[in-house]
Amino acid sequence: MTLWEMKAKSHAHIDSICDSLTSAVASRLAEMGFTAGQPVICVRRSPLQGPLVVQIGDCVYSLEQAVASKIRLSQLS
């Protein structure tokens, strides 16, 4: 499953970031805390394919589909 596929109010862990992202985007995601093993919460799904709002730690981020679909997740058990 990818971050883009998360349902609102659900929880998961980041599994990996797709290699097809540019190194600049991948680096920025890592700086923001999008790293393997990090827990993530889907706060809100915007209508009409708008940005996805997620929380990592105490920070809330908005990601567009092109980026969120490149972040693979593992479900919490």
Protein backbone atom coordinates (compact mmCIF):
# COMPACT_ATOMS: atom_id res chain seq x y z
CA MET A 1 0.00 0.00 0.00
CA THR A 2 1.14 3.57 -0.61
CA LEU A 3 0.63 6.70 1.45
CA TRP A 4 -1.79 7.97 -1.21
CA GLU A 5 -4.01 4.90 -0.65
CA MET A 6 -4.37 5.44 3.11
CA LYS A 7 -7.85 6.00 4.44
CA ALA A 8 -8.55 9.04 6.61
CA LYS A 9 -7.80 8.52 10.31
CA SER A 10 -5.77 5.36 9.66
CA HIS A 11 -2.29 4.56 10.98
CA ALA A 12 0.66 2.81 9.34
CA HIS A 13 4.45 2.74 9.24
CA ILE A 14 6.59 3.94 6.38
CA ASP A 15 8.20 0.97 4.66
CA SER A 16 10.25 2.69 1.94
CA ILE A 17 10.47 5.60 -0.50
CA CYS A 18 10.39 4.75 -4.21
CA ASP A 19 13.69 5.22 -6.05
CA SER A 20 11.92 7.01 -8.91
CA LEU A 21 11.66 10.25 -6.89
CA THR A 22 14.36 12.79 -7.59
CA SER A 23 17.14 12.89 -5.03
CA ALA A 24 16.11 16.41 -4.01
CA VAL A 25 12.55 15.30 -3.21
CA ALA A 26 13.73 12.13 -1.46
CA SER A 27 16.18 14.17 0.65
CA ARG A 28 13.52 16.69 1.60
CA LEU A 29 11.13 13.89 2.62
CA ALA A 30 13.87 12.38 4.80
CA GLU A 31 14.47 15.79 6.44
CA MET A 32 10.74 15.99 7.22
CA GLY A 33 10.81 12.55 8.89
CA PHE A 34 9.55 10.32 6.07
CA THR A 35 11.95 7.47 6.83
CA ALA A 36 11.56 3.70 7.09
CA GLY A 37 9.85 2.58 10.28
CA GLN A 38 8.35 5.99 11.06
CA PRO A 39 4.68 5.88 12.12
CA VAL A 40 2.32 8.01 10.02
CA ILE A 41 -1.33 9.02 10.47
CA CYS A 42 -3.61 10.08 7.63
CA VAL A 43 -5.27 13.17 9.08
CA ARG A 44 -7.44 14.09 6.11
CA ARG A 45 -8.06 13.28 2.47
CA SER A 46 -8.90 16.33 0.40
CA PRO A 47 -11.73 16.10 -2.16
CA LEU A 48 -11.13 15.90 -5.91
CA GLN A 49 -7.67 14.31 -5.66
CA GLY A 50 -6.41 17.26 -3.62
CA PRO A 51 -3.46 16.97 -1.27
CA LEU A 52 -3.29 14.34 1.45
CA VAL A 53 -2.77 15.64 4.98
CA VAL A 54 -0.59 13.38 7.15
CA GLN A 55 1.02 13.55 10.56
CA ILE A 56 4.49 12.31 11.45
CA GLY A 57 5.39 12.87 15.07
CA ASP A 58 4.21 16.35 16.04
CA CYS A 59 4.31 17.68 12.46
CA VAL A 60 1.52 17.81 9.89
CA TYR A 61 2.28 17.79 6.17
CA SER A 62 0.31 18.10 2.96
CA LEU A 63 1.49 15.93 0.06
CA GLU A 64 0.30 15.80 -3.52
CA GLN A 65 -0.50 12.49 -5.21
CA ALA A 66 2.72 12.42 -7.27
CA VAL A 67 4.77 12.27 -4.06
CA ALA A 68 2.42 10.38 -1.71
CA SER A 69 2.03 7.54 -4.20
CA LYS A 70 5.80 6.95 -4.06
CA ILE A 71 5.86 6.30 -0.31
CA ARG A 72 5.23 2.63 0.52
CA LEU A 73 3.65 1.65 3.83
CA SER A 74 3.30 -1.38 6.07
CA GLN A 75 0.05 -1.62 8.02
CA LEU A 76 0.08 -1.63 11.80
CA SER A 77 -1.02 -4.95 13.25
